[in-house]
Amino acid sequence: MTPSIRRRWPWFLLVGSLALNMLAGGFVVAHSFRPPPPPGGPDRMLERFVEDVSQRLSPTDAAVLRKALDDARPLFVRMHVSREEFTPRLRTALMAQPFDAAGVKAMFDSVHATDAALRSEIEARVVDTLSRLSPEGRLRLAESRLP
């Protein structure tokens, strides 16, 4: 290597290092100013969907959707409670001596039956709510990004 190329190498390293540090700093700053994500859960997701789609609906159709969501909140609470109660029950069953496989199977069957009943009730409410929307409202709903 010639002496001039040997002297330029640290310069390229310095510029490259500076560029990488600036890029990393940009990511850190962008991440720190980003708003926190909204809380999760099916009820929150549905609530955000209703708020988004309500802006494109007539006031009557938007009111129908909001009322349906408010009426369905107890179902979401029941679903959440059912899921939260399952884990401690499963943990207790796993630690039991002797292990009761039939009891664990019955517990899973019970949870599946509860989930199916809640899903059926939610689906019936969705169909009822959709039938109360105007044809234009259903069209706007079909054109939106469904959850």
C-alpha atoms as a PDB file:
ATOM      1  CA  MET A   1       0.000   0.000   0.000  1.00  0.00           C
ATOM      2  CA  THR A   2       1.093   3.478  -0.667  1.00  0.00           C
ATOM      3  CA  PRO A   3       1.450   5.879   2.246  1.00  0.00           C
ATOM      4  CA  SER A   4      -1.496   8.032   1.091  1.00  0.00           C
ATOM      5  CA  ILE A   5      -3.923   5.064   1.158  1.00  0.00           C
ATOM      6  CA  ARG A   6      -2.674   4.043   4.620  1.00  0.00           C
ATOM      7  CA  ARG A   7      -3.392   7.525   5.963  1.00  0.00           C
ATOM      8  CA  ARG A   8      -6.950   7.608   4.515  1.00  0.00           C
ATOM      9  CA  TRP A   9      -8.092   4.351   6.177  1.00  0.00           C
ATOM     10  CA  PRO A  10      -8.614   5.845   9.669  1.00  0.00           C
ATOM     11  CA  TRP A  11     -10.546   8.692   8.054  1.00  0.00           C
ATOM     12  CA  PHE A  12     -12.955   6.234   6.365  1.00  0.00           C
ATOM     13  CA  LEU A  13     -13.314   4.357   9.642  1.00  0.00           C
ATOM     14  CA  LEU A  14     -14.028   7.593  11.486  1.00  0.00           C
ATOM     15  CA  VAL A  15     -16.683   8.677   8.962  1.00  0.00           C
ATOM     16  CA  GLY A  16     -18.240   5.180   8.903  1.00  0.00           C
ATOM     17  CA  SER A  17     -18.332   5.022  12.697  1.00  0.00           C
ATOM     18  CA  LEU A  18     -19.887   8.474  12.895  1.00  0.00           C
ATOM     19  CA  ALA A  19     -22.565   7.496  10.347  1.00  0.00           C
ATOM     20  CA  LEU A  20     -23.463   4.329  12.268  1.00  0.00           C
ATOM     21  CA  ASN A  21     -23.635   6.219  15.555  1.00  0.00           C
ATOM     22  CA  MET A  22     -25.911   8.848  14.002  1.00  0.00           C
ATOM     23  CA  LEU A  23     -28.171   6.114  12.616  1.00  0.00           C
ATOM     24  CA  ALA A  24     -28.354   4.380  16.001  1.00  0.00           C
ATOM     25  CA  GLY A  25     -29.053   7.717  17.716  1.00  0.00           C
ATOM     26  CA  GLY A  26     -31.852   8.385  15.235  1.00  0.00           C
ATOM     27  CA  PHE A  27     -33.470   5.057  16.079  1.00  0.00           C
ATOM     28  CA  VAL A  28     -33.220   5.768  19.812  1.00  0.00           C
ATOM     29  CA  VAL A  29     -34.735   9.247  19.461  1.00  0.00           C
ATOM     30  CA  ALA A  30     -37.521   8.023  17.156  1.00  0.00           C
ATOM     31  CA  HIS A  31     -38.344   5.189  19.551  1.00  0.00           C
ATOM     32  CA  SER A  32     -38.446   7.487  22.587  1.00  0.00           C
ATOM     33  CA  PHE A  33     -40.943   9.880  20.960  1.00  0.00           C
ATOM     34  CA  ARG A  34     -43.247   7.179  19.625  1.00  0.00           C
ATOM     35  CA  PRO A  35     -46.538   6.998  21.553  1.00  0.00           C
ATOM     36  CA  PRO A  36     -47.098   3.850  23.582  1.00  0.00           C
ATOM     37  CA  PRO A  37     -49.112   1.152  21.841  1.00  0.00           C
ATOM     38  CA  PRO A  38     -52.788   0.990  22.757  1.00  0.00           C
ATOM     39  CA  PRO A  39     -53.759  -1.664  25.275  1.00  0.00           C
ATOM     40  CA  GLY A  40     -54.545  -4.994  23.701  1.00  0.00           C
ATOM     41  CA  GLY A  41     -57.423  -7.363  23.951  1.00  0.00           C
ATOM     42  CA  PRO A  42     -60.363  -8.074  21.678  1.00  0.00           C
ATOM     43  CA  ASP A  43     -62.553  -5.428  23.289  1.00  0.00           C
ATOM     44  CA  ARG A  44     -59.926  -2.713  22.753  1.00  0.00           C
ATOM     45  CA  MET A  45     -59.327  -3.816  19.174  1.00  0.00           C
ATOM     46  CA  LEU A  46     -63.062  -3.764  18.472  1.00  0.00           C
ATOM     47  CA  GLU A  47     -63.404  -0.389  20.168  1.00  0.00           C
ATOM     48  CA  ARG A  48     -60.679   1.109  17.947  1.00  0.00           C
ATOM     49  CA  PHE A  49     -62.327  -0.450  14.892  1.00  0.00           C
ATOM     50  CA  VAL A  50     -65.734   1.011  15.796  1.00  0.00           C
ATOM     51  CA  GLU A  51     -64.216   4.457  16.362  1.00  0.00           C
ATOM     52  CA  ASP A  52     -62.364   4.342  13.038  1.00  0.00           C
ATOM     53  CA  VAL A  53     -65.310   3.128  10.983  1.00  0.00           C
ATOM     54  CA  SER A  54     -67.807   5.424  12.753  1.00  0.00           C
ATOM     55  CA  GLN A  55     -66.144   8.424  11.172  1.00  0.00           C
ATOM     56  CA  ARG A  56     -67.260   7.189   7.728  1.00  0.00           C
ATOM     57  CA  LEU A  57     -70.781   6.168   8.760  1.00  0.00           C
ATOM     58  CA  SER A  58     -73.923   8.191   9.149  1.00  0.00           C
ATOM     59  CA  PRO A  59     -74.616   9.346  12.718  1.00  0.00           C
ATOM     60  CA  THR A  60     -77.437   6.793  13.010  1.00  0.00           C
ATOM     61  CA  ASP A  61     -75.288   3.862  11.906  1.00  0.00           C
ATOM     62  CA  ALA A  62     -72.406   5.021  14.105  1.00  0.00           C
ATOM     63  CA  ALA A  63     -74.775   5.153  17.087  1.00  0.00           C
ATOM     64  CA  VAL A  64     -75.974   1.602  16.323  1.00  0.00           C
ATOM     65  CA  LEU A  65     -72.375   0.334  16.277  1.00  0.00           C
ATOM     66  CA  ARG A  66     -71.407   2.165  19.470  1.00  0.00           C
ATOM     67  CA  LYS A  67     -74.500   0.900  21.308  1.00  0.00           C
ATOM     68  CA  ALA A  68     -73.777  -2.658  20.172  1.00  0.00           C
ATOM     69  CA  LEU A  69     -70.217  -2.361  21.459  1.00  0.00           C
ATOM     70  CA  ASP A  70     -71.403  -0.981  24.794  1.00  0.00           C
ATOM     71  CA  ASP A  71     -73.965  -3.778  25.107  1.00  0.00           C
ATOM     72  CA  ALA A  72     -71.271  -6.397  24.368  1.00  0.00           C
ATOM     73  CA  ARG A  73     -68.825  -5.218  27.049  1.00  0.00           C
ATOM     74  CA  PRO A  74     -70.125  -7.703  29.665  1.00  0.00           C
ATOM     75  CA  LEU A  75     -69.390 -10.520  27.206  1.00  0.00           C
ATOM     76  CA  PHE A  76     -65.785  -9.388  26.895  1.00  0.00           C
ATOM     77  CA  VAL A  77     -65.508  -9.189  30.684  1.00  0.00           C
ATOM     78  CA  ARG A  78     -66.884 -12.727  31.010  1.00  0.00           C
ATOM     79  CA  MET A  79     -64.420 -13.933  28.360  1.00  0.00           C
ATOM     80  CA  HIS A  80     -61.504 -12.251  30.145  1.00  0.00           C
ATOM     81  CA  VAL A  81     -62.510 -13.632  33.548  1.00  0.00           C
ATOM     82  CA  SER A  82     -62.897 -17.125  32.113  1.00  0.00           C
ATOM     83  CA  ARG A  83     -59.387 -16.999  30.652  1.00  0.00           C
ATOM     84  CA  GLU A  84     -57.855 -15.587  33.835  1.00  0.00           C
ATOM     85  CA  GLU A  85     -59.473 -18.240  36.018  1.00  0.00           C
ATOM     86  CA  PHE A  86     -58.245 -21.068  33.802  1.00  0.00           C
ATOM     87  CA  THR A  87     -54.495 -20.677  34.453  1.00  0.00           C
ATOM     88  CA  PRO A  88     -54.626 -21.026  38.268  1.00  0.00           C
ATOM     89  CA  ARG A  89     -57.011 -23.958  37.941  1.00  0.00           C
ATOM     90  CA  LEU A  90     -54.672 -25.665  35.475  1.00  0.00           C
ATOM     91  CA  ARG A  91     -51.659 -24.969  37.676  1.00  0.00           C
ATOM     92  CA  THR A  92     -53.452 -26.508  40.679  1.00  0.00           C
ATOM     93  CA  ALA A  93     -54.431 -29.556  38.642  1.00  0.00           C
ATOM     94  CA  LEU A  94     -50.856 -30.021  37.430  1.00  0.00           C
ATOM     95  CA  MET A  95     -49.494 -29.986  40.986  1.00  0.00           C
ATOM     96  CA  ALA A  96     -52.134 -32.372  42.374  1.00  0.00           C
ATOM     97  CA  GLN A  97     -51.003 -35.755  43.609  1.00  0.00           C
ATOM     98  CA  PRO A  98     -52.127 -38.085  42.142  1.00  0.00           C
ATOM     99  CA  PHE A  99     -52.578 -36.415  38.765  1.00  0.00           C
ATOM    100  CA  ASP A 100     -56.201 -36.480  37.590  1.00  0.00           C
ATOM    101  CA  ALA A 101     -56.064 -36.682  33.780  1.00  0.00           C
ATOM    102  CA  ALA A 102     -59.855 -36.990  33.505  1.00  0.00           C
ATOM    103  CA  GLY A 103     -60.297 -33.870  35.639  1.00  0.00           C
ATOM    104  CA  VAL A 104     -57.897 -31.880  33.447  1.00  0.00           C
ATOM    105  CA  LYS A 105     -59.701 -33.116  30.325  1.00  0.00           C
ATOM    106  CA  ALA A 106     -63.042 -32.069  31.849  1.00  0.00           C
ATOM    107  CA  MET A 107     -61.559 -28.658  32.691  1.00  0.00           C
ATOM    108  CA  PHE A 108     -60.454 -28.176  29.072  1.00  0.00           C
ATOM    109  CA  ASP A 109     -63.863 -29.329  27.814  1.00  0.00           C
ATOM    110  CA  SER A 110     -65.554 -26.850  30.151  1.00  0.00           C
ATOM    111  CA  VAL A 111     -63.374 -23.986  28.921  1.00  0.00           C
ATOM    112  CA  HIS A 112     -64.032 -24.907  25.294  1.00  0.00           C
ATOM    113  CA  ALA A 113     -67.785 -25.055  25.933  1.00  0.00           C
ATOM    114  CA  THR A 114     -67.736 -21.658  27.657  1.00  0.00           C
ATOM    115  CA  ASP A 115     -65.703 -20.146  24.814  1.00  0.00           C
ATOM    116  CA  ALA A 116     -68.066 -21.625  22.218  1.00  0.00           C
ATOM    117  CA  ALA A 117     -71.119 -20.261  24.041  1.00  0.00           C
ATOM    118  CA  LEU A 118     -69.555 -16.794  24.290  1.00  0.00           C
ATOM    119  CA  ARG A 119     -68.521 -16.863  20.611  1.00  0.00           C
ATOM    120  CA  SER A 120     -72.042 -17.873  19.599  1.00  0.00           C
ATOM    121  CA  GLU A 121     -73.520 -15.051  21.627  1.00  0.00           C
ATOM    122  CA  ILE A 122     -71.086 -12.541  20.137  1.00  0.00           C
ATOM    123  CA  GLU A 123     -71.768 -13.784  16.604  1.00  0.00           C
ATOM    124  CA  ALA A 124     -75.535 -13.484  17.173  1.00  0.00           C
ATOM    125  CA  ARG A 125     -75.064  -9.907  18.381  1.00  0.00           C
ATOM    126  CA  VAL A 126     -72.888  -9.083  15.351  1.00  0.00           C
ATOM    127  CA  VAL A 127     -75.539 -10.417  12.968  1.00  0.00           C
ATOM    128  CA  ASP A 128     -78.264  -8.491  14.813  1.00  0.00           C
ATOM    129  CA  THR A 129     -76.200  -5.283  14.724  1.00  0.00           C
ATOM    130  CA  LEU A 130     -75.437  -5.673  11.024  1.00  0.00           C
ATOM    131  CA  SER A 131     -79.124  -6.178  10.278  1.00  0.00           C
ATOM    132  CA  ARG A 132     -79.918  -2.857  12.002  1.00  0.00           C
ATOM    133  CA  LEU A 133     -77.412  -0.907   9.869  1.00  0.00           C
ATOM    134  CA  SER A 134     -78.543   0.864   6.733  1.00  0.00           C
ATOM    135  CA  PRO A 135     -77.477  -0.597   3.361  1.00  0.00           C
ATOM    136  CA  GLU A 136     -75.062   2.340   2.972  1.00  0.00           C
ATOM    137  CA  GLY A 137     -73.635   1.650   6.418  1.00  0.00           C
ATOM    138  CA  ARG A 138     -73.063  -2.022   5.589  1.00  0.00           C
ATOM    139  CA  LEU A 139     -71.397  -0.971   2.339  1.00  0.00           C
ATOM    140  CA  ARG A 140     -69.073   1.415   4.191  1.00  0.00           C
ATOM    141  CA  LEU A 141     -68.333  -1.334   6.692  1.00  0.00           C
ATOM    142  CA  ALA A 142     -67.524  -3.754   3.872  1.00  0.00           C
ATOM    143  CA  GLU A 143     -65.167  -1.188   2.332  1.00  0.00           C
ATOM    144  CA  SER A 144     -63.312  -0.676   5.607  1.00  0.00           C
ATOM    145  CA  ARG A 145     -60.499  -2.776   7.019  1.00  0.00           C
ATOM    146  CA  LEU A 146     -62.392  -5.395   9.005  1.00  0.00           C
ATOM    147  CA  PRO A 147     -60.848  -6.681  12.266  1.00  0.00           C
END
